[in-house]
N, C-alpha and C. Protein backbone atom coordinates (compact mmCIF):
# COMPACT_ATOMS: atom_id res chain seq x y z
N UNK A 1 -9.46 11.09 -14.94
CA UNK A 1 -8.47 10.55 -14.03
C UNK A 1 -7.13 10.48 -14.78
N UNK A 2 -6.11 11.01 -14.14
CA UNK A 2 -4.79 11.01 -14.78
C UNK A 2 -4.17 9.61 -14.66
N UNK A 3 -3.09 9.40 -15.42
CA UNK A 3 -2.39 8.12 -15.35
C UNK A 3 -1.88 7.88 -13.94
N UNK A 4 -1.35 8.92 -13.30
CA UNK A 4 -0.83 8.78 -11.95
C UNK A 4 -1.92 8.41 -10.95
N UNK A 5 -3.08 9.05 -11.10
CA UNK A 5 -4.20 8.74 -10.21
C UNK A 5 -4.68 7.31 -10.41
N UNK A 6 -4.76 6.89 -11.66
CA UNK A 6 -5.18 5.53 -11.97
C UNK A 6 -4.19 4.51 -11.40
N UNK A 7 -2.90 4.79 -11.53
CA UNK A 7 -1.86 3.90 -11.01
C UNK A 7 -1.95 3.82 -9.48
N UNK A 8 -2.13 4.96 -8.81
CA UNK A 8 -2.28 4.99 -7.37
C UNK A 8 -3.49 4.18 -6.93
N UNK A 9 -4.58 4.33 -7.66
CA UNK A 9 -5.80 3.57 -7.36
C UNK A 9 -5.55 2.07 -7.52
N UNK A 10 -4.94 1.68 -8.63
CA UNK A 10 -4.68 0.27 -8.88
C UNK A 10 -3.74 -0.32 -7.82
N UNK A 11 -2.72 0.44 -7.43
CA UNK A 11 -1.80 -0.01 -6.38
C UNK A 11 -2.54 -0.19 -5.06
N UNK A 12 -3.42 0.75 -4.75
CA UNK A 12 -4.21 0.66 -3.52
C UNK A 12 -5.12 -0.56 -3.54
N UNK A 13 -5.77 -0.79 -4.67
CA UNK A 13 -6.65 -1.96 -4.79
C UNK A 13 -5.86 -3.25 -4.64
N UNK A 14 -4.65 -3.29 -5.19
CA UNK A 14 -3.81 -4.48 -5.06
C UNK A 14 -3.44 -4.71 -3.59
N UNK A 15 -3.11 -3.64 -2.88
CA UNK A 15 -2.78 -3.77 -1.46
C UNK A 15 -3.99 -4.26 -0.66
N UNK A 16 -5.16 -3.77 -1.01
CA UNK A 16 -6.38 -4.22 -0.33
C UNK A 16 -6.59 -5.72 -0.57
N UNK A 17 -6.41 -6.16 -1.80
CA UNK A 17 -6.60 -7.58 -2.12
C UNK A 17 -5.57 -8.45 -1.38
N UNK A 18 -4.33 -7.99 -1.32
CA UNK A 18 -3.29 -8.74 -0.60
C UNK A 18 -3.64 -8.86 0.89
N UNK A 19 -4.10 -7.75 1.49
CA UNK A 19 -4.49 -7.78 2.90
C UNK A 19 -5.69 -8.70 3.10
N UNK A 20 -6.67 -8.61 2.20
CA UNK A 20 -7.86 -9.45 2.29
C UNK A 20 -7.46 -10.92 2.21
N UNK A 21 -6.58 -11.27 1.29
CA UNK A 21 -6.14 -12.66 1.16
C UNK A 21 -5.46 -13.14 2.44
N UNK A 22 -4.62 -12.29 3.03
CA UNK A 22 -3.95 -12.66 4.27
C UNK A 22 -4.95 -12.85 5.41
N UNK A 23 -5.92 -11.94 5.49
CA UNK A 23 -6.92 -12.04 6.55
C UNK A 23 -7.83 -13.24 6.34
N UNK A 24 -8.13 -13.57 5.08
CA UNK A 24 -8.98 -14.73 4.78
C UNK A 24 -8.30 -16.03 5.17
N UNK A 25 -6.97 -16.05 5.21
CA UNK A 25 -6.25 -17.26 5.57
C UNK A 25 -6.38 -17.59 7.06
N UNK A 26 -6.71 -16.60 7.88
CA UNK A 26 -6.85 -16.81 9.32
C UNK A 26 -8.25 -17.29 9.67
N UNK A 27 -8.42 -17.60 10.93
CA UNK A 27 -9.74 -18.00 11.43
C UNK A 27 -10.66 -16.78 11.47
N UNK A 28 -11.94 -17.03 11.28
CA UNK A 28 -12.92 -15.93 11.22
C UNK A 28 -12.98 -15.13 12.51
N UNK A 29 -12.65 -15.74 13.64
CA UNK A 29 -12.75 -15.03 14.91
C UNK A 29 -11.40 -14.53 15.42
N UNK A 30 -10.35 -14.58 14.59
CA UNK A 30 -9.06 -14.03 14.99
C UNK A 30 -9.13 -12.52 15.10
N UNK A 31 -8.49 -11.97 16.11
CA UNK A 31 -8.43 -10.51 16.26
C UNK A 31 -7.39 -9.95 15.29
N UNK A 32 -7.58 -8.70 14.92
CA UNK A 32 -6.60 -8.02 14.07
C UNK A 32 -5.33 -7.76 14.87
N UNK A 33 -4.20 -7.89 14.19
CA UNK A 33 -2.94 -7.51 14.83
C UNK A 33 -2.76 -6.01 14.70
N UNK A 34 -1.85 -5.46 15.46
CA UNK A 34 -1.55 -4.03 15.36
C UNK A 34 -1.07 -3.70 13.94
N UNK A 35 -0.24 -4.56 13.37
CA UNK A 35 0.26 -4.34 12.02
C UNK A 35 -0.85 -4.32 10.99
N UNK A 36 -1.81 -5.23 11.12
CA UNK A 36 -2.94 -5.27 10.19
C UNK A 36 -3.79 -4.01 10.34
N UNK A 37 -4.01 -3.59 11.58
CA UNK A 37 -4.80 -2.37 11.81
C UNK A 37 -4.10 -1.15 11.20
N UNK A 38 -2.78 -1.07 11.36
CA UNK A 38 -2.04 0.06 10.77
C UNK A 38 -2.09 0.01 9.25
N UNK A 39 -2.03 -1.18 8.69
CA UNK A 39 -2.13 -1.30 7.23
C UNK A 39 -3.49 -0.85 6.73
N UNK A 40 -4.54 -1.20 7.46
CA UNK A 40 -5.89 -0.74 7.10
C UNK A 40 -5.97 0.78 7.16
N UNK A 41 -5.40 1.37 8.20
CA UNK A 41 -5.40 2.83 8.31
C UNK A 41 -4.64 3.48 7.16
N UNK A 42 -3.52 2.91 6.76
CA UNK A 42 -2.77 3.45 5.62
C UNK A 42 -3.61 3.41 4.35
N UNK A 43 -4.34 2.31 4.15
CA UNK A 43 -5.19 2.21 2.97
C UNK A 43 -6.34 3.20 3.03
N UNK A 44 -6.90 3.40 4.22
CA UNK A 44 -7.96 4.39 4.37
C UNK A 44 -7.45 5.79 4.02
N UNK A 45 -6.25 6.11 4.49
CA UNK A 45 -5.66 7.41 4.17
C UNK A 45 -5.44 7.56 2.67
N UNK A 46 -5.00 6.48 2.02
CA UNK A 46 -4.74 6.52 0.59
C UNK A 46 -5.99 6.89 -0.19
N UNK A 47 -7.14 6.33 0.22
CA UNK A 47 -8.37 6.55 -0.53
C UNK A 47 -9.26 7.67 0.02
N UNK A 48 -8.92 8.22 1.17
CA UNK A 48 -9.78 9.20 1.83
C UNK A 48 -10.09 10.40 0.95
N UNK A 49 -9.11 10.91 0.25
CA UNK A 49 -9.31 12.09 -0.58
C UNK A 49 -9.97 11.78 -1.91
N UNK A 50 -10.19 10.52 -2.20
CA UNK A 50 -10.72 10.14 -3.50
C UNK A 50 -12.16 9.65 -3.44
N UNK A 51 -12.80 9.84 -2.29
CA UNK A 51 -14.17 9.36 -2.12
C UNK A 51 -15.10 10.51 -1.78
N UNK A 52 -16.33 10.38 -2.25
CA UNK A 52 -17.34 11.35 -1.88
C UNK A 52 -17.67 11.19 -0.40
N UNK A 53 -18.18 12.24 0.24
CA UNK A 53 -18.54 12.13 1.66
C UNK A 53 -19.55 11.00 1.93
N UNK A 54 -20.49 10.78 1.02
CA UNK A 54 -21.48 9.73 1.22
C UNK A 54 -20.84 8.35 1.18
N UNK A 55 -19.96 8.14 0.22
CA UNK A 55 -19.28 6.84 0.13
C UNK A 55 -18.36 6.65 1.33
N UNK A 56 -17.71 7.72 1.77
CA UNK A 56 -16.83 7.64 2.94
C UNK A 56 -17.63 7.25 4.17
N UNK A 57 -18.82 7.83 4.35
CA UNK A 57 -19.67 7.49 5.49
C UNK A 57 -20.02 5.99 5.47
N UNK A 58 -20.38 5.47 4.31
CA UNK A 58 -20.73 4.06 4.20
C UNK A 58 -19.51 3.18 4.51
N UNK A 59 -18.34 3.57 4.03
CA UNK A 59 -17.12 2.80 4.29
C UNK A 59 -16.80 2.78 5.78
N UNK A 60 -16.89 3.93 6.44
CA UNK A 60 -16.60 3.99 7.87
C UNK A 60 -17.60 3.16 8.67
N UNK A 61 -18.85 3.18 8.26
CA UNK A 61 -19.87 2.38 8.94
C UNK A 61 -19.55 0.89 8.81
N UNK A 62 -19.15 0.46 7.63
CA UNK A 62 -18.79 -0.95 7.43
C UNK A 62 -17.58 -1.33 8.28
N UNK A 63 -16.60 -0.46 8.36
CA UNK A 63 -15.41 -0.72 9.17
C UNK A 63 -15.78 -0.79 10.64
N UNK A 64 -16.59 0.14 11.10
CA UNK A 64 -17.00 0.14 12.50
C UNK A 64 -17.79 -1.13 12.84
N UNK A 65 -18.66 -1.55 11.95
CA UNK A 65 -19.44 -2.77 12.19
C UNK A 65 -18.53 -3.99 12.28
N UNK A 66 -17.55 -4.08 11.39
CA UNK A 66 -16.63 -5.22 11.42
C UNK A 66 -15.76 -5.19 12.68
N UNK A 67 -15.29 -4.01 13.06
CA UNK A 67 -14.49 -3.90 14.28
C UNK A 67 -15.31 -4.30 15.51
N UNK A 68 -16.57 -3.89 15.57
CA UNK A 68 -17.43 -4.25 16.69
C UNK A 68 -17.70 -5.75 16.71
N UNK A 69 -17.90 -6.34 15.54
CA UNK A 69 -18.12 -7.78 15.46
C UNK A 69 -16.91 -8.54 15.98
N UNK A 70 -15.72 -8.12 15.56
CA UNK A 70 -14.49 -8.79 16.00
C UNK A 70 -14.25 -8.58 17.50
N UNK A 71 -14.56 -7.40 18.00
CA UNK A 71 -14.40 -7.14 19.43
C UNK A 71 -15.34 -8.02 20.23
N UNK A 72 -16.59 -8.17 19.79
CA UNK A 72 -17.55 -9.03 20.47
C UNK A 72 -17.07 -10.48 20.49
N UNK A 73 -16.49 -10.92 19.37
CA UNK A 73 -15.99 -12.29 19.28
C UNK A 73 -14.81 -12.50 20.23
N UNK A 74 -13.96 -11.49 20.32
CA UNK A 74 -12.80 -11.58 21.21
C UNK A 74 -13.24 -11.64 22.66
N UNK A 75 -14.20 -10.80 23.03
CA UNK A 75 -14.72 -10.80 24.41
C UNK A 75 -15.38 -12.14 24.71
N UNK A 76 -16.16 -12.64 23.78
CA UNK A 76 -16.86 -13.92 23.99
C UNK A 76 -15.84 -15.05 24.13
N UNK A 77 -14.78 -14.99 23.37
CA UNK A 77 -13.75 -16.03 23.42
C UNK A 77 -13.01 -16.03 24.76
N UNK A 78 -12.83 -14.84 25.33
CA UNK A 78 -12.14 -14.71 26.62
C UNK A 78 -13.00 -15.17 27.79
N UNK A 79 -14.32 -15.07 27.61
CA UNK A 79 -15.24 -15.44 28.71
C UNK A 79 -15.52 -16.88 28.65
């Protein structure tokens, strides 16, 4: 791994931690804002080329599960 790649990785990890800290400050059943969703997509794009297909599949599955959980909570809250 080159210095540039390592720096990019570390910057991405820092952004993930900052987003996680912000999301942890909210209530567990709060829906994602459009800005938060776009930030998650930017982070996914940052790391997409640096992951094996198997790890990428597991990451997408975890994201889909979390999105479905939050959607279910939002629907339940509205009803």
